[in-house]
């Protein structure tokens, strides 16, 4: 494998991991809301927002211009 191909593959994997992380955060929030029959605690929502922003920063750093940012705004 060439260096450029490895870099592209790593960028893809970083983006994919960020996508999975943000979706898992959303699943956790949804599951919590269903079980509690109310929204998750405010402290959790704040922490989840910060985690989403970090994952999005990583994803955008290596794969800018994808639909991830637009999709995440629908989660909030």
N, C-alpha and C. Protein backbone atom coordinates (compact mmCIF):
# COMPACT_ATOMS: atom_id res chain seq x y z
N UNK A 1 0.84 -1.19 0.00
CA UNK A 1 0.00 0.00 0.00
C UNK A 1 0.88 1.25 0.00
N UNK A 2 0.51 2.22 -0.76
CA UNK A 2 1.24 3.47 -0.83
C UNK A 2 0.85 4.36 0.35
N UNK A 3 1.72 5.30 0.70
CA UNK A 3 1.46 6.21 1.81
C UNK A 3 0.15 6.97 1.62
N UNK A 4 -0.09 7.47 0.41
CA UNK A 4 -1.32 8.24 0.16
C UNK A 4 -2.56 7.37 0.35
N UNK A 5 -2.48 6.15 -0.10
CA UNK A 5 -3.61 5.23 0.05
C UNK A 5 -3.88 4.94 1.53
N UNK A 6 -2.84 4.79 2.30
CA UNK A 6 -2.97 4.57 3.74
C UNK A 6 -3.58 5.80 4.40
N UNK A 7 -3.12 6.98 4.01
CA UNK A 7 -3.68 8.22 4.57
C UNK A 7 -5.16 8.34 4.25
N UNK A 8 -5.54 8.01 3.02
CA UNK A 8 -6.96 8.06 2.64
C UNK A 8 -7.79 7.06 3.44
N UNK A 9 -7.24 5.87 3.62
CA UNK A 9 -7.95 4.85 4.37
C UNK A 9 -8.12 5.29 5.83
N UNK A 10 -7.08 5.86 6.42
CA UNK A 10 -7.18 6.33 7.81
C UNK A 10 -8.18 7.46 7.93
N UNK A 11 -8.20 8.36 6.95
CA UNK A 11 -9.18 9.45 6.97
C UNK A 11 -10.59 8.90 6.90
N UNK A 12 -10.80 7.90 6.06
CA UNK A 12 -12.11 7.26 5.97
C UNK A 12 -12.51 6.62 7.30
N UNK A 13 -11.56 5.94 7.93
CA UNK A 13 -11.85 5.27 9.19
C UNK A 13 -12.15 6.27 10.31
N UNK A 14 -11.42 7.37 10.33
CA UNK A 14 -11.69 8.41 11.34
C UNK A 14 -13.09 8.95 11.13
N UNK A 15 -13.45 9.24 9.89
CA UNK A 15 -14.79 9.75 9.60
C UNK A 15 -15.85 8.75 10.00
N UNK A 16 -15.66 7.49 9.62
CA UNK A 16 -16.64 6.46 9.95
C UNK A 16 -16.78 6.27 11.46
N UNK A 17 -15.68 6.29 12.18
CA UNK A 17 -15.75 6.17 13.64
C UNK A 17 -16.48 7.36 14.26
N UNK A 18 -16.26 8.55 13.73
CA UNK A 18 -16.97 9.72 14.23
C UNK A 18 -18.47 9.58 13.97
N UNK A 19 -18.82 9.09 12.80
CA UNK A 19 -20.23 8.87 12.48
C UNK A 19 -20.86 7.88 13.46
N UNK A 20 -20.18 6.76 13.67
CA UNK A 20 -20.72 5.75 14.59
C UNK A 20 -20.82 6.29 16.01
N UNK A 21 -19.83 7.05 16.44
CA UNK A 21 -19.86 7.60 17.79
C UNK A 21 -21.05 8.54 17.97
N UNK A 22 -21.28 9.40 17.00
CA UNK A 22 -22.39 10.35 17.15
C UNK A 22 -23.73 9.65 17.10
N UNK A 23 -23.84 8.62 16.27
CA UNK A 23 -25.10 7.88 16.21
C UNK A 23 -25.33 7.09 17.50
N UNK A 24 -24.28 6.54 18.08
CA UNK A 24 -24.43 5.83 19.35
C UNK A 24 -24.84 6.77 20.48
N UNK A 25 -24.32 7.98 20.46
CA UNK A 25 -24.75 8.97 21.45
C UNK A 25 -26.24 9.21 21.31
N UNK A 26 -26.71 9.32 20.08
CA UNK A 26 -28.14 9.56 19.86
C UNK A 26 -28.98 8.37 20.31
N UNK A 27 -28.52 7.17 20.03
CA UNK A 27 -29.24 5.97 20.47
C UNK A 27 -29.32 5.95 21.99
N UNK A 28 -28.23 6.30 22.65
CA UNK A 28 -28.20 6.34 24.11
C UNK A 28 -29.21 7.36 24.64
N UNK A 29 -29.24 8.54 24.04
CA UNK A 29 -30.20 9.56 24.48
C UNK A 29 -31.63 9.09 24.26
N UNK A 30 -31.90 8.51 23.10
CA UNK A 30 -33.25 8.04 22.81
C UNK A 30 -33.66 6.92 23.76
N UNK A 31 -32.76 5.99 24.01
CA UNK A 31 -33.06 4.88 24.93
C UNK A 31 -33.32 5.41 26.33
N UNK A 32 -32.51 6.34 26.76
CA UNK A 32 -32.68 6.94 28.08
C UNK A 32 -34.04 7.62 28.20
N UNK A 33 -34.39 8.36 27.17
CA UNK A 33 -35.69 9.06 27.20
C UNK A 33 -36.85 8.08 27.24
N UNK A 34 -36.74 7.00 26.51
CA UNK A 34 -37.80 5.99 26.52
C UNK A 34 -37.91 5.34 27.89
N UNK A 35 -36.79 4.95 28.47
CA UNK A 35 -36.81 4.29 29.77
C UNK A 35 -37.26 5.22 30.89
N UNK A 36 -36.84 6.46 30.84
CA UNK A 36 -37.18 7.43 31.89
C UNK A 36 -38.56 8.05 31.68
N UNK A 37 -39.04 7.95 30.43
CA UNK A 37 -40.28 8.63 30.03
C UNK A 37 -40.14 10.14 30.19
N UNK A 38 -38.91 10.60 30.00
CA UNK A 38 -38.59 12.03 30.04
C UNK A 38 -37.21 12.20 29.39
N UNK A 39 -36.87 13.42 29.04
CA UNK A 39 -35.55 13.63 28.42
C UNK A 39 -34.43 13.25 29.39
N UNK A 40 -33.25 12.93 28.84
CA UNK A 40 -32.10 12.65 29.69
C UNK A 40 -31.76 13.88 30.54
N UNK A 41 -31.03 13.71 31.61
CA UNK A 41 -30.63 14.85 32.45
C UNK A 41 -29.87 15.90 31.63
N UNK A 42 -30.06 17.13 32.00
CA UNK A 42 -29.40 18.24 31.31
C UNK A 42 -27.89 18.07 31.27
N UNK A 43 -27.32 17.58 32.36
CA UNK A 43 -25.86 17.38 32.39
C UNK A 43 -25.42 16.40 31.31
N UNK A 44 -26.19 15.34 31.10
CA UNK A 44 -25.85 14.36 30.05
C UNK A 44 -25.97 14.99 28.66
N UNK A 45 -27.02 15.76 28.46
CA UNK A 45 -27.21 16.40 27.16
C UNK A 45 -26.06 17.35 26.84
N UNK A 46 -25.59 18.08 27.84
CA UNK A 46 -24.45 18.99 27.63
C UNK A 46 -23.19 18.20 27.28
N UNK A 47 -22.96 17.12 28.01
CA UNK A 47 -21.78 16.29 27.75
C UNK A 47 -21.87 15.65 26.36
N UNK A 48 -23.05 15.17 26.01
CA UNK A 48 -23.23 14.55 24.70
C UNK A 48 -22.99 15.57 23.58
N UNK A 49 -23.44 16.79 23.79
CA UNK A 49 -23.23 17.84 22.80
C UNK A 49 -21.73 18.07 22.60
N UNK A 50 -20.98 18.14 23.68
CA UNK A 50 -19.54 18.34 23.59
C UNK A 50 -18.86 17.16 22.89
N UNK A 51 -19.31 15.95 23.19
CA UNK A 51 -18.75 14.76 22.54
C UNK A 51 -19.04 14.76 21.04
N UNK A 52 -20.28 15.14 20.68
CA UNK A 52 -20.64 15.24 19.26
C UNK A 52 -19.75 16.25 18.55
N UNK A 53 -19.55 17.41 19.19
CA UNK A 53 -18.73 18.46 18.58
C UNK A 53 -17.29 17.99 18.37
N UNK A 54 -16.76 17.24 19.33
CA UNK A 54 -15.41 16.72 19.20
C UNK A 54 -15.32 15.71 18.05
N UNK A 55 -16.28 14.80 18.00
CA UNK A 55 -16.29 13.81 16.92
C UNK A 55 -16.45 14.49 15.57
N UNK A 56 -17.32 15.50 15.50
CA UNK A 56 -17.52 16.22 14.26
C UNK A 56 -16.25 16.95 13.84
N UNK A 57 -15.55 17.56 14.79
CA UNK A 57 -14.29 18.24 14.49
C UNK A 57 -13.30 17.27 13.86
N UNK A 58 -13.18 16.07 14.45
CA UNK A 58 -12.26 15.06 13.92
C UNK A 58 -12.68 14.64 12.51
N UNK A 59 -13.97 14.41 12.33
CA UNK A 59 -14.46 13.97 11.02
C UNK A 59 -14.24 15.04 9.96
N UNK A 60 -14.55 16.29 10.30
CA UNK A 60 -14.40 17.39 9.34
C UNK A 60 -12.94 17.68 9.02
N UNK A 61 -12.07 17.40 9.96
CA UNK A 61 -10.63 17.63 9.75
C UNK A 61 -10.12 16.76 8.59
N UNK A 62 -10.60 15.54 8.51
CA UNK A 62 -10.10 14.61 7.51
C UNK A 62 -11.04 14.39 6.33
N UNK A 63 -12.32 14.68 6.51
CA UNK A 63 -13.31 14.54 5.43
C UNK A 63 -14.28 15.72 5.48
N UNK A 64 -13.81 16.91 5.13
CA UNK A 64 -14.69 18.08 5.17
C UNK A 64 -15.79 17.99 4.10
N UNK A 65 -16.90 18.63 4.40
CA UNK A 65 -17.96 18.75 3.41
C UNK A 65 -18.89 17.57 3.29
N UNK A 66 -18.86 16.65 4.24
CA UNK A 66 -19.82 15.54 4.18
C UNK A 66 -21.14 15.98 4.80
N UNK A 67 -22.09 15.12 4.80
CA UNK A 67 -23.41 15.43 5.36
C UNK A 67 -23.45 15.27 6.88
N UNK A 68 -22.36 14.88 7.49
CA UNK A 68 -22.37 14.60 8.92
C UNK A 68 -22.79 15.82 9.74
N UNK A 69 -22.22 16.96 9.45
CA UNK A 69 -22.55 18.17 10.21
C UNK A 69 -24.03 18.50 10.08
N UNK A 70 -24.53 18.45 8.86
CA UNK A 70 -25.95 18.74 8.63
C UNK A 70 -26.84 17.72 9.35
N UNK A 71 -26.45 16.47 9.31
CA UNK A 71 -27.22 15.43 9.98
C UNK A 71 -27.24 15.62 11.49
N UNK A 72 -26.09 15.98 12.06
CA UNK A 72 -26.00 16.13 13.52
C UNK A 72 -26.86 17.28 14.02
N UNK A 73 -27.03 18.31 13.24
CA UNK A 73 -27.85 19.43 13.69
C UNK A 73 -29.30 19.00 13.87
N UNK A 74 -29.70 17.95 13.20
CA UNK A 74 -31.06 17.43 13.37
C UNK A 74 -31.21 16.68 14.69
N UNK A 75 -30.11 16.22 15.25
CA UNK A 75 -30.14 15.48 16.52
C UNK A 75 -30.40 16.41 17.71
N UNK A 76 -30.13 17.68 17.57
CA UNK A 76 -30.14 18.57 18.72
C UNK A 76 -31.45 19.26 18.92
